[in-house]
Amino acid sequence: MLGVFGGGGKYIYVSPAFERITGYKKNDLLNDHMLFKNFVHPDDIERTLEHIMMHTNKNDVLNIEFRIISRKGETRWISHTCQPVFGIDDEFQGRRASNQDITMQKILETQRIHSQQMESMGFMTIKIAHDFNNILSAIFGGVQLLQTKVDRNSEISQHPPHQSHPT
């Protein structure tokens, strides 16, 4: 999805992919440069606005990832990169923006992180079980040793040594 902003912040061009990804008509965005507020996810709107404000005075290539909510209600992740466009006389003309739907990458990344967390929990569980087994082995070894001593003492108490009586 490609967009070009003029120096006044209005869109000059919006690619057909905009409609496919967002469900909104590209002419709607061309006619209302604030339309993005209708589809940027509420949790991402503030930092998206900050990003837009940065473009007005930066000559750098800028990047941001944010979520949108399509007209169908689907949450989609967008990777946005924009860079300045200058005229022949080096006068700032606006910004060229490229937006890519990265929803599938985000889903796979979330699954990978979850898998790593589960693997870590498995290793931690094995370590705890091993440590617990070591503790139990020491306890059972001590109990067996005590049992052996008790068994010997029982044998001794059943057959007391002969005592000599004073005469």
Foldseek 3Di string as FASTA:
>chain_A
DKWWAFLVQATPDDDPVCCVVAVDDVVVCNVPVPCQVVWFPPVCVVVVVVVSVVQNPDQDWDWDKGWTQHPVRDIWIKIKIKHWDADPVRHTTTIMMDIDTCRVVVVVVVVVVVVVVVVVVVVVVVVVVVVVVVVVVVVVVVVVVVVVVVVVVVVCVVPPDDDDDDD
